Amino acid sequence: MKIAVASDHAGYPLKAALLPHLKALGHEPADLGTDSPDKPVDYPDFAALACREVIAGRAERAIVVCGSGVGACVAANKFKGIRAGLCHDTYSAHQGVEHDDMNVLCLGSRIIGQALAFEIAAAFVSARFSGEERHRRRLGKVLEIERKGA
């Protein structure tokens, strides 16, 4: 699976560790930056880069990392067609895909450690939308809210 991966400066160390981990799992991660933990950058810019890759179909999913994960999640969810979730446990990471068709995982590098982030990312990329009627119905309602603008 092609996965867009981006972070701000706070998320850089975790993002840098996630890239080879995703590759080892058999995926194709695309590093969209930032390229340093030392130069402050703004998380909305990098969330936008990752979301645009998913919207354009160049990536099936994305992972965005910032200090808490909250800012990246807020920014990502402003994009039509993006369903981003902040997950700091494996259950939410796979259930968000299975039930809600989540396509962007947001992580907080100051909240979780590398080992847990690896498990969460693996749960996210290995999960598939269930397609069950109740989940399709609920997703349809979410998409209708998005279409109408609330």
C-alpha atoms as a PDB file:
ATOM      1  CA  MET A   1       0.000   0.000   0.000  1.00  0.00           C
ATOM      2  CA  LYS A   2       1.204   3.510  -0.799  1.00  0.00           C
ATOM      3  CA  ILE A   3       1.198   5.593   2.374  1.00  0.00           C
ATOM      4  CA  ALA A   4       1.913   9.326   2.534  1.00  0.00           C
ATOM      5  CA  VAL A   5       3.836  10.162   5.717  1.00  0.00           C
ATOM      6  CA  ALA A   6       4.398  13.707   6.967  1.00  0.00           C
ATOM      7  CA  SER A   7       5.236  15.532  10.169  1.00  0.00           C
ATOM      8  CA  ASP A   8       6.094  18.866  11.661  1.00  0.00           C
ATOM      9  CA  HIS A   9       9.381  19.368  13.533  1.00  0.00           C
ATOM     10  CA  ALA A  10       7.981  17.858  16.748  1.00  0.00           C
ATOM     11  CA  GLY A  11       6.896  14.730  14.910  1.00  0.00           C
ATOM     12  CA  TYR A  12      10.055  14.369  12.839  1.00  0.00           C
ATOM     13  CA  PRO A  13      11.876  11.761  14.994  1.00  0.00           C
ATOM     14  CA  LEU A  14       8.843   9.469  15.101  1.00  0.00           C
ATOM     15  CA  LYS A  15       8.115   9.982  11.404  1.00  0.00           C
ATOM     16  CA  ALA A  16      11.730   9.124  10.550  1.00  0.00           C
ATOM     17  CA  ALA A  17      11.414   5.877  12.524  1.00  0.00           C
ATOM     18  CA  LEU A  18       8.047   4.988  10.979  1.00  0.00           C
ATOM     19  CA  LEU A  19       9.272   5.124   7.378  1.00  0.00           C
ATOM     20  CA  PRO A  20      11.558   2.039   7.495  1.00  0.00           C
ATOM     21  CA  HIS A  21       9.045   0.252   9.724  1.00  0.00           C
ATOM     22  CA  LEU A  22       6.291   0.685   7.129  1.00  0.00           C
ATOM     23  CA  LYS A  23       8.649  -0.408   4.382  1.00  0.00           C
ATOM     24  CA  ALA A  24       9.565  -3.541   6.379  1.00  0.00           C
ATOM     25  CA  LEU A  25       5.840  -4.322   6.598  1.00  0.00           C
ATOM     26  CA  GLY A  26       5.747  -4.362   2.785  1.00  0.00           C
ATOM     27  CA  HIS A  27       4.288  -0.909   2.175  1.00  0.00           C
ATOM     28  CA  GLU A  28       5.492   2.030   0.079  1.00  0.00           C
ATOM     29  CA  PRO A  29       5.824   5.033   2.384  1.00  0.00           C
ATOM     30  CA  ALA A  30       6.334   8.429   0.763  1.00  0.00           C
ATOM     31  CA  ASP A  31       8.191  10.904   2.977  1.00  0.00           C
ATOM     32  CA  LEU A  32       6.568  14.314   2.535  1.00  0.00           C
ATOM     33  CA  GLY A  33       8.712  16.085   5.136  1.00  0.00           C
ATOM     34  CA  THR A  34       9.631  17.890   7.232  1.00  0.00           C
ATOM     35  CA  ASP A  35      13.311  17.071   7.025  1.00  0.00           C
ATOM     36  CA  SER A  36      14.554  18.256  10.411  1.00  0.00           C
ATOM     37  CA  PRO A  37      13.526  18.423  14.050  1.00  0.00           C
ATOM     38  CA  ASP A  38      15.563  21.621  14.419  1.00  0.00           C
ATOM     39  CA  LYS A  39      13.684  24.029  12.139  1.00  0.00           C
ATOM     40  CA  PRO A  40      10.194  24.910  13.401  1.00  0.00           C
ATOM     41  CA  VAL A  41       7.468  24.374  10.791  1.00  0.00           C
ATOM     42  CA  ASP A  42       3.675  24.426  10.921  1.00  0.00           C
ATOM     43  CA  TYR A  43       1.733  21.172  11.214  1.00  0.00           C
ATOM     44  CA  PRO A  44      -1.155  22.321   8.932  1.00  0.00           C
ATOM     45  CA  ASP A  45       1.253  22.570   5.993  1.00  0.00           C
ATOM     46  CA  PHE A  46       2.374  18.963   6.371  1.00  0.00           C
ATOM     47  CA  ALA A  47      -1.077  17.582   7.138  1.00  0.00           C
ATOM     48  CA  ALA A  48      -2.204  19.279   3.919  1.00  0.00           C
ATOM     49  CA  LEU A  49       0.573  17.648   1.885  1.00  0.00           C
ATOM     50  CA  ALA A  50      -0.396  14.191   3.135  1.00  0.00           C
ATOM     51  CA  CYS A  51      -4.125  14.729   2.646  1.00  0.00           C
ATOM     52  CA  ARG A  52      -3.647  15.973  -0.897  1.00  0.00           C
ATOM     53  CA  GLU A  53      -1.787  12.764  -1.742  1.00  0.00           C
ATOM     54  CA  VAL A  54      -4.752  10.695  -0.531  1.00  0.00           C
ATOM     55  CA  ILE A  55      -7.322  12.886  -2.286  1.00  0.00           C
ATOM     56  CA  ALA A  56      -5.362  12.720  -5.549  1.00  0.00           C
ATOM     57  CA  GLY A  57      -5.117   8.923  -5.295  1.00  0.00           C
ATOM     58  CA  ARG A  58      -1.321   8.920  -5.143  1.00  0.00           C
ATOM     59  CA  ALA A  59      -1.550   7.330  -1.694  1.00  0.00           C
ATOM     60  CA  GLU A  60      -4.219   5.027  -0.330  1.00  0.00           C
ATOM     61  CA  ARG A  61      -3.744   6.311   3.209  1.00  0.00           C
ATOM     62  CA  ALA A  62      -1.626   8.752   5.176  1.00  0.00           C
ATOM     63  CA  ILE A  63       0.040   9.077   8.547  1.00  0.00           C
ATOM     64  CA  VAL A  64       0.633  12.539   9.981  1.00  0.00           C
ATOM     65  CA  VAL A  65       2.676  13.160  13.124  1.00  0.00           C
ATOM     66  CA  CYS A  66       2.884  16.273  15.264  1.00  0.00           C
ATOM     67  CA  GLY A  67       3.615  16.827  18.946  1.00  0.00           C
ATOM     68  CA  SER A  68       0.190  15.881  20.303  1.00  0.00           C
ATOM     69  CA  GLY A  69      -1.445  14.632  17.104  1.00  0.00           C
ATOM     70  CA  VAL A  70      -4.392  16.939  17.769  1.00  0.00           C
ATOM     71  CA  GLY A  71      -3.368  19.777  15.462  1.00  0.00           C
ATOM     72  CA  ALA A  72      -2.610  17.406  12.600  1.00  0.00           C
ATOM     73  CA  CYS A  73      -5.982  15.731  13.080  1.00  0.00           C
ATOM     74  CA  VAL A  74      -7.880  19.017  13.146  1.00  0.00           C
ATOM     75  CA  ALA A  75      -6.116  20.216   9.993  1.00  0.00           C
ATOM     76  CA  ALA A  76      -6.545  16.910   8.138  1.00  0.00           C
ATOM     77  CA  ASN A  77     -10.270  16.770   8.807  1.00  0.00           C
ATOM     78  CA  LYS A  78     -10.770  20.085   7.003  1.00  0.00           C
ATOM     79  CA  PHE A  79     -10.171  18.313   3.684  1.00  0.00           C
ATOM     80  CA  LYS A  80     -13.145  16.911   1.810  1.00  0.00           C
ATOM     81  CA  GLY A  81     -12.739  13.164   1.491  1.00  0.00           C
ATOM     82  CA  ILE A  82     -10.447  12.836   4.482  1.00  0.00           C
ATOM     83  CA  ARG A  83     -11.447  10.929   7.572  1.00  0.00           C
ATOM     84  CA  ALA A  84      -8.602  11.417  10.026  1.00  0.00           C
ATOM     85  CA  GLY A  85      -8.399   9.929  13.486  1.00  0.00           C
ATOM     86  CA  LEU A  86      -6.064  10.576  16.382  1.00  0.00           C
ATOM     87  CA  CYS A  87      -5.127   7.135  17.673  1.00  0.00           C
ATOM     88  CA  HIS A  88      -2.864   6.273  20.552  1.00  0.00           C
ATOM     89  CA  ASP A  89      -3.993   2.655  20.841  1.00  0.00           C
ATOM     90  CA  THR A  90      -4.201  -0.229  18.378  1.00  0.00           C
ATOM     91  CA  TYR A  91      -7.928  -0.821  18.789  1.00  0.00           C
ATOM     92  CA  SER A  92      -8.866   2.687  17.623  1.00  0.00           C
ATOM     93  CA  ALA A  93      -6.402   2.438  14.734  1.00  0.00           C
ATOM     94  CA  HIS A  94      -7.954  -0.683  13.210  1.00  0.00           C
ATOM     95  CA  GLN A  95     -11.540  -0.009  14.294  1.00  0.00           C
ATOM     96  CA  GLY A  96     -11.384   3.475  12.772  1.00  0.00           C
ATOM     97  CA  VAL A  97     -10.668   1.889   9.396  1.00  0.00           C
ATOM     98  CA  GLU A  98     -13.038  -1.080   9.784  1.00  0.00           C
ATOM     99  CA  HIS A  99     -16.070   0.925  10.918  1.00  0.00           C
ATOM    100  CA  ASP A 100     -15.423   4.514   9.800  1.00  0.00           C
ATOM    101  CA  ASP A 101     -13.240   4.086   6.696  1.00  0.00           C
ATOM    102  CA  MET A 102     -10.548   6.268   8.299  1.00  0.00           C
ATOM    103  CA  ASN A 103      -7.885   7.105   5.744  1.00  0.00           C
ATOM    104  CA  VAL A 104      -5.498   9.296   7.760  1.00  0.00           C
ATOM    105  CA  LEU A 105      -3.874   8.261  11.016  1.00  0.00           C
ATOM    106  CA  CYS A 106      -2.673  11.065  13.297  1.00  0.00           C
ATOM    107  CA  LEU A 107      -0.090  10.402  15.983  1.00  0.00           C
ATOM    108  CA  GLY A 108       1.346  12.487  18.796  1.00  0.00           C
ATOM    109  CA  SER A 109       5.077  12.022  19.070  1.00  0.00           C
ATOM    110  CA  ARG A 110       5.148  13.612  22.532  1.00  0.00           C
ATOM    111  CA  ILE A 111       2.368  11.297  23.717  1.00  0.00           C
ATOM    112  CA  ILE A 112       3.418   7.802  22.648  1.00  0.00           C
ATOM    113  CA  GLY A 113       6.707   6.018  22.189  1.00  0.00           C
ATOM    114  CA  GLN A 114       8.149   4.444  19.095  1.00  0.00           C
ATOM    115  CA  ALA A 115       7.220   0.840  19.906  1.00  0.00           C
ATOM    116  CA  LEU A 116       3.559   1.685  20.423  1.00  0.00           C
ATOM    117  CA  ALA A 117       3.540   3.904  17.323  1.00  0.00           C
ATOM    118  CA  PHE A 118       4.829   0.953  15.285  1.00  0.00           C
ATOM    119  CA  GLU A 119       1.999  -1.260  16.572  1.00  0.00           C
ATOM    120  CA  ILE A 120      -0.606   1.427  15.919  1.00  0.00           C
ATOM    121  CA  ALA A 121       0.671   2.048  12.386  1.00  0.00           C
ATOM    122  CA  ALA A 122       0.651  -1.694  11.658  1.00  0.00           C
ATOM    123  CA  ALA A 123      -2.944  -1.974  12.908  1.00  0.00           C
ATOM    124  CA  PHE A 124      -3.966   0.997  10.749  1.00  0.00           C
ATOM    125  CA  VAL A 125      -2.391  -0.190   7.494  1.00  0.00           C
ATOM    126  CA  SER A 126      -3.529  -3.798   7.877  1.00  0.00           C
ATOM    127  CA  ALA A 127      -7.190  -2.941   8.552  1.00  0.00           C
ATOM    128  CA  ARG A 128      -9.876  -2.811   5.863  1.00  0.00           C
ATOM    129  CA  PHE A 129     -13.291  -1.159   5.833  1.00  0.00           C
ATOM    130  CA  SER A 130     -15.839  -3.843   6.731  1.00  0.00           C
ATOM    131  CA  GLY A 131     -18.454  -2.741   4.226  1.00  0.00           C
ATOM    132  CA  GLU A 132     -21.175  -3.937   6.612  1.00  0.00           C
ATOM    133  CA  GLU A 133     -24.520  -2.259   6.009  1.00  0.00           C
ATOM    134  CA  ARG A 134     -24.526  -0.414   9.341  1.00  0.00           C
ATOM    135  CA  HIS A 135     -21.052   0.972   8.673  1.00  0.00           C
ATOM    136  CA  ARG A 136     -21.927   1.986   5.113  1.00  0.00           C
ATOM    137  CA  ARG A 137     -25.087   3.696   6.401  1.00  0.00           C
ATOM    138  CA  ARG A 138     -23.168   5.630   9.049  1.00  0.00           C
ATOM    139  CA  LEU A 139     -20.391   6.559   6.637  1.00  0.00           C
ATOM    140  CA  GLY A 140     -23.044   7.771   4.210  1.00  0.00           C
ATOM    141  CA  LYS A 141     -24.376  10.093   6.901  1.00  0.00           C
ATOM    142  CA  VAL A 142     -20.876  11.437   7.535  1.00  0.00           C
ATOM    143  CA  LEU A 143     -20.363  12.013   3.815  1.00  0.00           C
ATOM    144  CA  GLU A 144     -23.718  13.808   3.620  1.00  0.00           C
ATOM    145  CA  ILE A 145     -22.649  16.135   6.450  1.00  0.00           C
ATOM    146  CA  GLU A 146     -19.423  16.798   4.551  1.00  0.00           C
ATOM    147  CA  ARG A 147     -21.326  17.444   1.314  1.00  0.00           C
ATOM    148  CA  LYS A 148     -23.777  19.877   2.920  1.00  0.00           C
ATOM    149  CA  GLY A 149     -21.091  21.634   4.944  1.00  0.00           C
ATOM    150  CA  ALA A 150     -22.586  20.690   8.326  1.00  0.00           C
END
